[in-house]
Protein backbone atom coordinates (compact mmCIF):
# COMPACT_ATOMS: atom_id res chain seq x y z
CA UNK A 1 63.43 -18.42 91.59
CA UNK A 2 61.69 -19.50 88.42
CA UNK A 3 60.61 -16.79 85.97
CA UNK A 4 57.52 -17.04 83.72
CA UNK A 5 58.07 -17.71 79.99
CA UNK A 6 57.20 -14.12 79.02
CA UNK A 7 59.82 -12.76 81.37
CA UNK A 8 62.39 -15.16 79.97
CA UNK A 9 61.64 -13.99 76.46
CA UNK A 10 61.99 -10.39 77.51
CA UNK A 11 65.44 -11.07 78.88
CA UNK A 12 66.53 -13.13 75.88
CA UNK A 13 65.45 -11.30 72.65
CA UNK A 14 67.28 -13.74 70.42
CA UNK A 15 65.17 -16.63 71.70
CA UNK A 16 61.98 -14.61 71.14
CA UNK A 17 62.82 -13.77 67.56
CA UNK A 18 63.63 -17.37 66.80
CA UNK A 19 60.37 -18.60 68.25
CA UNK A 20 58.36 -15.99 66.27
CA UNK A 21 60.07 -16.98 63.03
CA UNK A 22 59.22 -20.64 63.58
CA UNK A 23 55.57 -19.80 64.24
CA UNK A 24 55.37 -17.75 61.01
CA UNK A 25 56.85 -20.58 58.97
CA UNK A 26 54.40 -23.06 60.44
CA UNK A 27 51.49 -20.78 59.43
CA UNK A 28 52.45 -19.50 55.93
CA UNK A 29 54.17 -22.50 54.35
CA UNK A 30 51.08 -24.80 54.43
CA UNK A 31 48.91 -22.00 53.01
CA UNK A 32 51.29 -21.40 50.10
CA UNK A 33 51.45 -25.12 49.37
CA UNK A 34 47.64 -25.37 49.28
CA UNK A 35 47.36 -22.40 46.93
CA UNK A 36 49.89 -23.82 44.49
CA UNK A 37 48.29 -27.25 44.52
CA UNK A 38 44.72 -25.88 43.94
CA UNK A 39 44.76 -22.65 41.88
CA UNK A 40 41.60 -20.44 41.84
CA UNK A 41 39.77 -20.77 38.50
CA UNK A 42 37.64 -18.03 36.88
CA UNK A 43 33.86 -18.33 37.25
CA UNK A 44 32.30 -20.39 34.44
CA UNK A 45 29.12 -18.90 32.83
CA UNK A 46 26.82 -20.85 30.51
CA UNK A 47 25.98 -19.13 27.22
CA UNK A 48 22.32 -19.78 27.84
CA UNK A 49 22.44 -17.65 31.01
CA UNK A 50 23.64 -14.50 29.24
CA UNK A 51 22.11 -11.99 26.83
CA UNK A 52 24.73 -12.72 24.21
CA UNK A 53 23.38 -12.96 20.66
CA UNK A 54 23.65 -16.53 19.38
CA UNK A 55 25.61 -17.15 16.25
CA UNK A 56 23.97 -18.54 13.12
CA UNK A 57 25.35 -21.95 14.14
CA UNK A 58 23.57 -21.93 17.47
CA UNK A 59 20.30 -20.41 16.38
CA UNK A 60 18.51 -17.63 14.51
CA UNK A 61 19.61 -14.05 14.94
CA UNK A 62 17.10 -11.89 16.80
CA UNK A 63 15.76 -8.79 15.14
CA UNK A 64 17.98 -5.72 15.56
CA UNK A 65 16.37 -3.29 18.00
CA UNK A 66 16.18 -0.46 15.50
CA UNK A 67 14.35 -2.28 12.68
CA UNK A 68 10.89 -1.14 13.70
CA UNK A 69 9.41 1.55 15.94
CA UNK A 70 8.84 0.16 19.41
CA UNK A 71 5.15 0.87 19.20
CA UNK A 72 4.85 -1.65 16.36
CA UNK A 73 6.81 -4.50 17.95
CA UNK A 74 4.94 -7.41 19.48
CA UNK A 75 5.92 -7.68 23.12
CA UNK A 76 4.25 -11.05 23.52
CA UNK A 77 6.77 -13.87 23.18
CA UNK A 78 4.14 -16.32 21.95
CA UNK A 79 2.33 -14.23 19.35
CA UNK A 80 0.13 -16.41 17.16
CA UNK A 81 -0.85 -15.32 13.63
CA UNK A 82 -4.54 -14.70 13.15
CA UNK A 83 -6.64 -17.48 11.64
CA UNK A 84 -6.62 -17.61 7.84
CA UNK A 85 -10.37 -17.72 7.40
CA UNK A 86 -11.53 -15.25 10.01
CA UNK A 87 -11.35 -11.54 10.72
CA UNK A 88 -8.01 -10.14 11.79
CA UNK A 89 -8.05 -8.72 15.30
CA UNK A 90 -6.36 -5.43 15.97
CA UNK A 91 -3.95 -5.45 18.92
CA UNK A 92 -5.06 -2.51 21.07
CA UNK A 93 -1.76 -0.70 21.40
CA UNK A 94 0.27 -1.54 18.31
CA UNK A 95 -1.38 0.67 15.71
CA UNK A 96 -1.64 4.48 15.73
CA UNK A 97 -5.17 5.62 16.40
CA UNK A 98 -5.47 7.28 13.02
CA UNK A 99 -5.21 3.85 11.42
CA UNK A 100 -7.71 2.19 13.70
CA UNK A 101 -10.54 4.67 14.00
CA UNK A 102 -10.42 6.93 10.98
CA UNK A 103 -12.96 5.94 8.36
CA UNK A 104 -12.17 8.71 5.87
CA UNK A 105 -8.47 8.08 5.57
CA UNK A 106 -8.44 4.32 5.29
CA UNK A 107 -7.06 2.43 2.34
CA UNK A 108 -9.94 1.04 0.29
CA UNK A 109 -10.75 -2.62 0.25
CA UNK A 110 -10.36 -4.62 -2.97
CA UNK A 111 -14.06 -3.94 -3.46
CA UNK A 112 -13.33 -0.30 -4.09
CA UNK A 113 -9.79 -0.63 -5.45
CA UNK A 114 -6.93 -0.42 -5.91
CA UNK A 115 -6.56 -3.43 -8.20
CA UNK A 116 -9.29 -3.94 -10.83
CA UNK A 117 -9.59 -7.46 -12.16
CA UNK A 118 -8.08 -8.06 -15.60
CA UNK A 119 -10.75 -7.77 -18.24
CA UNK A 120 -9.91 -10.93 -20.10
CA UNK A 121 -8.86 -13.36 -17.38
CA UNK A 122 -11.64 -13.42 -14.81
CA UNK A 123 -15.46 -13.55 -15.05
CA UNK A 124 -17.11 -10.27 -14.08
CA UNK A 125 -19.04 -11.84 -11.22
CA UNK A 126 -15.75 -12.37 -9.40
CA UNK A 127 -14.65 -8.80 -9.96
CA UNK A 128 -17.60 -7.14 -8.25
CA UNK A 129 -18.46 -9.69 -5.61
CA UNK A 130 -18.38 -8.17 -2.15
CA UNK A 131 -18.78 -11.43 -0.27
CA UNK A 132 -15.31 -12.70 -1.00
CA UNK A 133 -13.34 -9.59 -0.19
CA UNK A 134 -10.29 -9.62 2.02
CA UNK A 135 -10.62 -7.90 5.40
CA UNK A 136 -10.46 -4.16 4.96
CA UNK A 137 -11.02 -0.99 6.95
CA UNK A 138 -14.60 -1.12 5.71
CA UNK A 139 -15.38 -4.79 6.31
CA UNK A 140 -13.30 -5.50 9.37
CA UNK A 141 -10.49 -4.40 11.65
CA UNK A 142 -6.99 -3.91 10.28
CA UNK A 143 -4.17 -6.02 11.72
CA UNK A 144 -1.40 -4.18 13.50
CA UNK A 145 1.80 -3.67 11.52
CA UNK A 146 4.25 -6.47 12.15
CA UNK A 147 7.93 -6.26 12.84
CA UNK A 148 10.45 -7.83 10.50
CA UNK A 149 9.97 -11.30 11.92
CA UNK A 150 9.23 -14.12 9.54
CA UNK A 151 5.60 -15.08 10.06
CA UNK A 152 6.57 -18.74 10.17
CA UNK A 153 8.53 -18.04 13.36
CA UNK A 154 5.98 -15.98 15.28
CA UNK A 155 5.17 -18.87 17.60
CA UNK A 156 8.76 -19.23 18.74
CA UNK A 157 10.00 -17.82 22.02
CA UNK A 158 12.08 -15.08 20.42
CA UNK A 159 11.89 -12.83 17.39
CA UNK A 160 13.67 -14.03 14.30
CA UNK A 161 14.77 -11.81 11.44
CA UNK A 162 16.64 -12.24 8.21
CA UNK A 163 20.12 -13.64 8.53
CA UNK A 164 22.64 -10.83 8.75
CA UNK A 165 24.50 -12.35 5.82
CA UNK A 166 21.61 -11.19 3.63
CA UNK A 167 20.87 -7.80 5.13
CA UNK A 168 23.75 -5.95 3.51
CA UNK A 169 25.67 -6.24 0.28
CA UNK A 170 29.39 -5.80 0.74
CA UNK A 171 31.22 -2.96 -1.00
CA UNK A 172 32.87 -5.38 -3.42
CA UNK A 173 29.43 -6.66 -4.44
CA UNK A 174 27.80 -3.30 -5.18
CA UNK A 175 28.23 -3.74 -8.92
CA UNK A 176 27.11 -7.36 -9.14
CA UNK A 177 24.56 -8.36 -11.78
CA UNK A 178 21.24 -8.52 -9.94
CA UNK A 179 19.44 -10.19 -12.81
CA UNK A 180 21.41 -13.37 -13.49
CA UNK A 181 21.22 -16.09 -10.90
CA UNK A 182 19.05 -18.82 -9.46
CA UNK A 183 16.25 -19.35 -6.95
CA UNK A 184 17.46 -20.84 -3.67
CA UNK A 185 15.50 -22.05 -0.62
CA UNK A 186 14.47 -19.46 1.97
CA UNK A 187 12.95 -21.09 5.03
CA UNK A 188 12.44 -17.70 6.72
CA UNK A 189 9.69 -16.69 4.27
CA UNK A 190 6.95 -15.61 4.07
CA UNK A 191 7.19 -12.18 5.69
CA UNK A 192 3.45 -11.56 5.52
CA UNK A 193 0.39 -13.69 4.75
CA UNK A 194 -3.02 -13.28 3.16
CA UNK A 195 -4.41 -12.78 6.68
CA UNK A 196 -1.96 -10.07 7.75
CA UNK A 197 -2.14 -7.91 4.60
CA UNK A 198 -5.36 -6.22 3.48
CA UNK A 199 -3.99 -5.16 0.06
CA UNK A 200 -4.02 -8.56 -1.66
CA UNK A 201 -6.57 -8.59 -4.43
CA UNK A 202 -8.93 -11.55 -4.57
CA UNK A 203 -7.47 -12.94 -7.77
CA UNK A 204 -3.96 -13.13 -6.32
CA UNK A 205 -5.14 -14.48 -2.95
CA UNK A 206 -4.06 -18.04 -3.72
CA UNK A 207 -4.11 -19.35 -0.16
CA UNK A 208 -7.64 -18.09 0.44
CA UNK A 209 -8.93 -20.14 -2.46
CA UNK A 210 -7.35 -23.36 -1.31
CA UNK A 211 -3.95 -23.68 -2.94
CA UNK A 212 -2.69 -26.84 -1.20
CA UNK A 213 1.08 -26.38 -1.56
CA UNK A 214 3.15 -23.72 0.19
CA UNK A 215 6.69 -24.44 -1.01
CA UNK A 216 6.36 -21.77 -3.69
CA UNK A 217 6.53 -19.22 -0.87
CA UNK A 218 9.96 -20.32 0.34
CA UNK A 219 12.41 -19.26 -2.32
CA UNK A 220 14.54 -16.17 -2.81
CA UNK A 221 16.41 -14.88 -5.83
CA UNK A 222 20.19 -15.37 -5.53
CA UNK A 223 22.21 -13.40 -8.11
CA UNK A 224 25.51 -14.86 -9.25
CA UNK A 225 28.32 -13.58 -7.05
CA UNK A 226 26.28 -11.73 -4.41
CA UNK A 227 23.14 -11.73 -2.29
CA UNK A 228 20.14 -9.39 -2.42
CA UNK A 229 19.01 -8.33 1.04
CA UNK A 230 15.45 -9.24 1.93
CA UNK A 231 13.22 -6.15 1.68
CA UNK A 232 13.54 -3.98 4.79
CA UNK A 233 10.38 -1.82 5.08
CA UNK A 234 11.91 0.49 7.68
CA UNK A 235 14.93 1.17 5.49
CA UNK A 236 12.72 1.73 2.44
CA UNK A 237 10.47 4.23 4.22
CA UNK A 238 13.44 6.15 5.58
CA UNK A 239 14.90 6.33 2.07
CA UNK A 240 11.67 7.72 0.58
CA UNK A 241 10.91 10.12 3.42
CA UNK A 242 9.40 13.34 2.00
CA UNK A 243 9.35 11.79 -1.49
CA UNK A 244 6.86 10.33 -3.98
CA UNK A 245 6.93 7.12 -6.03
CA UNK A 246 4.69 6.12 -8.92
CA UNK A 247 3.97 2.87 -10.76
CA UNK A 248 2.63 3.08 -14.33
CA UNK A 249 1.31 0.13 -16.31
CA UNK A 250 -1.20 -2.70 -16.32
CA UNK A 251 -2.48 -5.14 -13.71
CA UNK A 252 0.97 -6.72 -13.35
CA UNK A 253 2.26 -3.30 -12.32
CA UNK A 254 -0.51 -3.13 -9.75
CA UNK A 255 0.42 -6.63 -8.64
CA UNK A 256 3.80 -5.19 -7.65
CA UNK A 257 2.10 -2.28 -5.88
CA UNK A 258 0.07 -4.77 -3.85
CA UNK A 259 3.28 -6.53 -2.87
CA UNK A 260 4.87 -3.25 -1.81
CA UNK A 261 1.83 -2.28 0.27
CA UNK A 262 1.97 -5.64 2.03
CA UNK A 263 5.70 -5.40 2.72
CA UNK A 264 5.36 -1.87 4.09
CA UNK A 265 2.33 -2.77 6.22
CA UNK A 266 4.73 -4.33 8.71
CA UNK A 267 5.69 -0.78 9.68
CA UNK A 268 2.77 1.52 8.81
CA UNK A 269 -0.58 1.63 7.06
CA UNK A 270 -1.07 4.37 4.47
CA UNK A 271 -4.04 6.69 4.14
CA UNK A 272 -5.97 6.88 0.90
CA UNK A 273 -5.67 10.45 -0.39
CA UNK A 274 -6.85 9.75 -3.94
CA UNK A 275 -8.64 12.62 -5.61
CA UNK A 276 -11.51 10.38 -6.75
CA UNK A 277 -12.99 6.98 -5.86
CA UNK A 278 -11.99 5.57 -9.26
CA UNK A 279 -9.62 2.64 -9.10
CA UNK A 280 -7.50 3.61 -12.09
CA UNK A 281 -5.44 6.18 -10.20
CA UNK A 282 -4.82 5.65 -6.51
CA UNK A 283 -2.63 7.65 -4.15
CA UNK A 284 -1.66 6.61 -0.61
CA UNK A 285 0.22 8.63 1.97
CA UNK A 286 2.46 7.25 4.73
CA UNK A 287 1.95 10.09 7.14
CA UNK A 288 4.84 9.28 9.49
CA UNK A 289 7.25 9.57 6.56
CA UNK A 290 5.41 12.05 4.30
CA UNK A 291 5.78 9.49 1.51
CA UNK A 292 3.18 9.17 -1.24
CA UNK A 293 2.69 6.08 -3.38
CA UNK A 294 0.87 6.40 -6.73
CA UNK A 295 -0.66 3.57 -8.79
CA UNK A 296 -1.44 4.80 -12.33
CA UNK A 297 -3.42 2.59 -14.69
CA UNK A 298 -2.21 2.74 -18.29
CA UNK A 299 -2.03 -0.74 -19.84
CA UNK A 300 -1.05 0.59 -23.28
CA UNK A 301 1.11 3.46 -21.91
CA UNK A 302 -0.11 5.74 -24.73
CA UNK A 303 -3.45 7.44 -25.30
CA UNK A 304 -6.15 4.84 -25.94
CA UNK A 305 -9.92 4.43 -26.07
CA UNK A 306 -12.00 1.41 -25.14
CA UNK A 307 -14.30 -0.51 -27.48
CA UNK A 308 -17.81 0.82 -27.92
CA UNK A 309 -19.91 -0.96 -25.27
CA UNK A 310 -23.07 -0.44 -27.32
CA UNK A 311 -21.66 -2.49 -30.19
CA UNK A 312 -20.95 -6.07 -29.04
CA UNK A 313 -19.28 -6.87 -32.37
CA UNK A 314 -16.78 -4.08 -32.03
CA UNK A 315 -14.09 -5.27 -29.61
CA UNK A 316 -11.19 -3.15 -30.83
CA UNK A 317 -9.19 -0.77 -28.66
CA UNK A 318 -7.90 2.35 -30.37
CA UNK A 319 -4.25 3.21 -29.72
CA UNK A 320 -2.74 6.58 -30.60
CA UNK A 321 0.89 5.61 -30.96
CA UNK A 322 2.24 9.15 -31.25
CA UNK A 323 0.28 10.72 -28.37
CA UNK A 324 1.05 10.68 -24.66
CA UNK A 325 -1.38 9.26 -22.13
CA UNK A 326 -1.54 12.55 -20.27
CA UNK A 327 -3.36 10.95 -17.35
CA UNK A 328 0.03 9.75 -16.11
CA UNK A 329 2.56 11.83 -18.06
CA UNK A 330 1.12 15.02 -16.54
CA UNK A 331 1.78 13.72 -13.01
CA UNK A 332 5.33 12.39 -13.18
CA UNK A 333 6.98 15.78 -12.66
CA UNK A 334 5.73 15.51 -9.05
CA UNK A 335 7.50 12.19 -8.48
CA UNK A 336 10.99 11.25 -7.31
CA UNK A 337 10.78 7.59 -8.35
CA UNK A 338 8.94 6.08 -11.31
CA UNK A 339 8.52 2.40 -12.24
CA UNK A 340 7.03 1.77 -15.68
CA UNK A 341 6.02 -1.57 -17.22
CA UNK A 342 3.53 -3.08 -19.65
CA UNK A 343 3.11 -5.70 -22.35
CA UNK A 344 0.26 -8.17 -21.94
CA UNK A 345 -2.46 -5.90 -23.30
CA UNK A 346 -0.69 -5.59 -26.64
CA UNK A 347 -1.89 -9.08 -27.57
CA UNK A 348 -5.44 -7.71 -27.90
CA UNK A 349 -7.25 -6.68 -31.07
CA UNK A 350 -6.40 -3.01 -31.62
CA UNK A 351 -6.52 -0.24 -34.23
CA UNK A 352 -3.43 1.97 -34.51
CA UNK A 353 -3.64 5.71 -35.09
CA UNK A 354 -0.71 7.91 -36.11
CA UNK A 355 -0.97 11.53 -37.15
CA UNK A 356 -4.65 11.24 -36.20
CA UNK A 357 -5.25 8.71 -38.96
CA UNK A 358 -5.56 4.92 -38.96
CA UNK A 359 -2.17 3.46 -39.80
CA UNK A 360 -3.09 -0.19 -39.38
CA UNK A 361 -4.48 -2.72 -36.98
CA UNK A 362 -3.79 -5.97 -35.17
CA UNK A 363 -6.20 -8.95 -35.14
CA UNK A 364 -8.87 -6.69 -36.59
CA UNK A 365 -9.85 -8.15 -40.01
CA UNK A 366 -11.16 -4.77 -41.11
CA UNK A 367 -11.53 -4.00 -44.82
CA UNK A 368 -9.00 -1.60 -46.34
CA UNK A 369 -6.90 -1.66 -43.15
CA UNK A 370 -3.31 -2.89 -43.05
CA UNK A 371 -2.72 -5.80 -40.69
CA UNK A 372 0.49 -4.94 -38.84
CA UNK A 373 2.88 -7.32 -37.04
CA UNK A 374 2.25 -8.21 -33.41
CA UNK A 375 5.06 -6.08 -32.00
CA UNK A 376 4.60 -3.01 -34.17
CA UNK A 377 2.39 -1.14 -31.73
CA UNK A 378 4.34 -2.10 -28.61
CA UNK A 379 7.63 -0.81 -29.96
CA UNK A 380 6.17 2.59 -30.85
CA UNK A 381 4.14 2.90 -27.65
CA UNK A 382 7.15 2.16 -25.47
CA UNK A 383 9.35 4.54 -27.41
CA UNK A 384 7.04 7.54 -27.02
CA UNK A 385 6.43 6.70 -23.33
CA UNK A 386 10.16 6.76 -22.64
CA UNK A 387 10.29 10.03 -24.55
CA UNK A 388 7.65 11.44 -22.19
CA UNK A 389 9.87 10.46 -19.25
CA UNK A 390 12.89 12.12 -20.84
CA UNK A 391 10.94 15.34 -21.32
CA UNK A 392 8.95 15.54 -18.07
CA UNK A 393 10.76 13.66 -15.33
CA UNK A 394 13.75 14.30 -13.10
CA UNK A 395 14.52 11.46 -10.76
CA UNK A 396 15.09 7.72 -10.82
CA UNK A 397 13.02 6.08 -13.59
CA UNK A 398 12.99 2.28 -13.82
CA UNK A 399 11.72 0.25 -16.75
CA UNK A 400 10.75 -3.21 -15.52
CA UNK A 401 11.07 -5.88 -18.17
CA UNK A 402 8.26 -8.14 -19.30
CA UNK A 403 6.71 -10.60 -16.86
CA UNK A 404 6.38 -13.96 -18.67
CA UNK A 405 3.30 -16.16 -18.58
CA UNK A 406 3.43 -19.91 -17.97
CA UNK A 407 0.42 -21.54 -19.63
CA UNK A 408 0.93 -25.22 -20.33
CA UNK A 409 -1.39 -27.59 -22.18
CA UNK A 410 -3.06 -24.77 -24.10
CA UNK A 411 -3.44 -21.01 -24.32
CA UNK A 412 -5.17 -18.92 -21.66
CA UNK A 413 -8.53 -19.35 -23.41
CA UNK A 414 -7.98 -23.00 -24.36
CA UNK A 415 -7.76 -24.61 -20.93
CA UNK A 416 -4.09 -23.86 -20.34
CA UNK A 417 -2.91 -24.16 -16.74
CA UNK A 418 0.17 -23.75 -14.55
CA UNK A 419 0.43 -26.58 -12.03
CA UNK A 420 4.14 -26.75 -11.28
CA UNK A 421 5.06 -26.47 -7.61
CA UNK A 422 8.75 -25.52 -7.71
CA UNK A 423 11.02 -23.19 -9.70
CA UNK A 424 13.02 -24.27 -12.70
CA UNK A 425 16.69 -24.82 -11.99
CA UNK A 426 19.43 -23.33 -14.10
CA UNK A 427 20.22 -26.63 -15.85
CA UNK A 428 16.60 -27.34 -16.79
CA UNK A 429 15.10 -26.62 -20.19
CA UNK A 430 12.65 -23.75 -19.89
CA UNK A 431 9.98 -23.38 -22.58
CA UNK A 432 10.32 -20.01 -24.30
CA UNK A 433 7.35 -18.37 -25.96
CA UNK A 434 6.79 -15.16 -27.92
CA UNK A 435 6.87 -13.16 -24.67
CA UNK A 436 10.64 -12.86 -24.84
CA UNK A 437 10.33 -10.81 -28.02
CA UNK A 438 8.68 -8.08 -25.94
CA UNK A 439 11.67 -8.09 -23.63
CA UNK A 440 14.01 -7.72 -26.61
CA UNK A 441 12.05 -4.65 -27.70
CA UNK A 442 12.25 -3.24 -24.17
CA UNK A 443 16.02 -3.65 -24.08
CA UNK A 444 16.42 -2.01 -27.47
CA UNK A 445 14.23 0.98 -26.63
CA UNK A 446 15.73 1.31 -23.17
CA UNK A 447 19.28 1.55 -24.54
CA UNK A 448 18.23 4.28 -26.97
CA UNK A 449 16.44 6.22 -24.21
CA UNK A 450 19.34 5.71 -21.81
CA UNK A 451 21.72 7.27 -24.33
CA UNK A 452 19.41 10.25 -24.80
CA UNK A 453 18.86 10.54 -21.06
CA UNK A 454 22.56 11.06 -20.35
CA UNK A 455 22.21 14.56 -21.74
CA UNK A 456 19.48 15.49 -19.26
CA UNK A 457 20.53 16.63 -15.83
CA UNK A 458 18.89 14.97 -12.88
CA UNK A 459 17.36 12.04 -14.78
CA UNK A 460 18.55 8.53 -14.01
CA UNK A 461 17.11 5.79 -16.21
CA UNK A 462 17.60 2.17 -15.14
CA UNK A 463 16.44 -1.26 -16.31
CA UNK A 464 14.97 -3.81 -13.91
CA UNK A 465 15.47 -6.92 -16.01
CA UNK A 466 13.45 -9.48 -14.06
CA UNK A 467 12.34 -11.57 -17.06
CA UNK A 468 14.91 -14.32 -16.59
CA UNK A 469 14.19 -14.66 -12.88
CA UNK A 470 10.43 -14.84 -13.43
CA UNK A 471 10.76 -17.20 -16.37
CA UNK A 472 12.09 -19.69 -13.81
CA UNK A 473 8.99 -19.38 -11.57
CA UNK A 474 6.11 -21.28 -13.23
CA UNK A 475 4.99 -22.21 -9.72
CA UNK A 476 4.16 -18.67 -8.60
CA UNK A 477 0.90 -17.96 -10.48
CA UNK A 478 -2.63 -18.27 -9.09
CA UNK A 479 -3.65 -20.77 -11.76
CA UNK A 480 -6.98 -22.21 -10.70
CA UNK A 481 -6.61 -20.71 -7.20
CA UNK A 482 -7.48 -17.14 -8.19
CA UNK A 483 -11.19 -17.76 -7.65
CA UNK A 484 -13.59 -20.00 -5.78
CA UNK A 485 -13.32 -23.69 -6.57
CA UNK A 486 -16.55 -24.69 -8.25
CA UNK A 487 -16.76 -28.19 -9.71
CA UNK A 488 -19.84 -27.24 -11.74
CA UNK A 489 -18.08 -24.50 -13.68
CA UNK A 490 -14.87 -24.34 -15.66
CA UNK A 491 -13.14 -21.01 -15.12
CA UNK A 492 -10.04 -19.73 -16.81
CA UNK A 493 -6.76 -20.24 -15.03
CA UNK A 494 -4.51 -17.28 -14.30
CA UNK A 495 -0.92 -18.01 -15.27
CA UNK A 496 -0.08 -14.34 -15.82
CA UNK A 497 -0.43 -12.62 -12.45
CA UNK A 498 1.44 -13.68 -9.30
CA UNK A 499 0.30 -15.07 -5.96
CA UNK A 500 0.81 -12.90 -2.89
CA UNK A 501 2.89 -13.56 -0.99
CA UNK A 502 5.02 -15.05 -3.71
CA UNK A 503 7.84 -14.58 -6.21
CA UNK A 504 6.78 -11.04 -7.12
CA UNK A 505 7.93 -9.85 -3.67
CA UNK A 506 11.45 -10.25 -5.07
CA UNK A 507 10.78 -7.32 -7.41
CA UNK A 508 10.67 -5.04 -4.40
CA UNK A 509 13.85 -6.60 -2.98
CA UNK A 510 15.51 -5.62 -6.27
CA UNK A 511 13.80 -2.21 -6.37
CA UNK A 512 15.17 -1.25 -2.96
CA UNK A 513 18.65 -2.45 -3.89
CA UNK A 514 18.59 -0.39 -7.09
CA UNK A 515 17.48 2.66 -5.12
CA UNK A 516 20.30 2.20 -2.62
CA UNK A 517 22.86 1.81 -5.39
CA UNK A 518 21.66 5.00 -7.07
CA UNK A 519 21.72 6.89 -3.79
């Protein structure tokens, strides 16, 4: 009788085991062979499909997330800068309400301050004209503060900020010489424009008045052996939180204040808390940081009186070389930072007083009055001003060196102009005028004051020696583009002040770096 296969296997276990083993081999061996012949590879992911930050080789570095408060960042990927010749619209959600609706706390327009036109460089009709003013809280809406993105890149699909190689100075570079170097290209600039900053005075608003070239905007100062980080407004405001900073000097000093206001406007607009509507002394408050910024007009630094307006023949200023200008010296004990500078006004006709008596004059041609050398008054005025700082100030005081002029083809009142469109290079011959003598006096008086200041606790006295850097920038002045272009009239060219934006922004790069080093 024949038995089924299952029954046979039950009776012969050895046969069953053998058959099972053969079946297993037939199943596993092919699978193992296939696996070895075709190994499983990891999943490949394209860089473009991730959120990984691109390297500088592959593209610009996006702005770090903590550079600006989120309420000030532009969420639109295709943000377009406002038109240059029209009003600046206010994005509805990017500016705190106190900056959009408050009429009493707004920063004044150039019509009301803060930068009066220089007395000797610009016709009076351009100083008081209200038709040519930049947009202001009075005349138009204020643009929202920007983030740290270069304005040239705002049309791109992602935010672009300064290269990380220039946002920090390494520890081994902390003591590098900030004031010897060269200007190198910076394609990321400018970081604001004449349409995004309300603080630019008319006579430094070069682009408004038709300057055709823009390459002068795209340079940065590169010290030998290190880099200066591009000004970070968020970092600056955090550093000066609950503090006060003052600038003392002439219209070049106010030129730097304008630059600082523009650079900080990318984060916050200040409120005007000045005690009077006069333009000579302005105070702004950054309410989110409790930081106050003071602009104090004192072109001679010492006590002075203006010429008698009722006597057109009498054009002499009176300088009291041994008396403080108490309008600013009485305020500096309230400050934590002080930047002092001057120089250009000392080329004017003046009478010098010492011990309340006339000691001489300059360009005066007065009978029985000693004609004194050009630099006599400046040396004494600077010395007593530094003495006032030593006696009344505790904090970081910075003396900024003289800002050179670049008239070519004649003096300022003889048709001189500044038409160059690029910086001098290190190996080029740079014309040197009498201006550098003022810098020599500054260095001499600074060293003497620095020695005396070492004995005073709490005072830190530093020199911001920007003369060499600015001597190399003949391309950065307004020239003929500091006023309307009128073929029927010949107006004086301005080769003393600086276009905004422009090379003077570097002063605030250096200022912040000096503050960080001192801290």
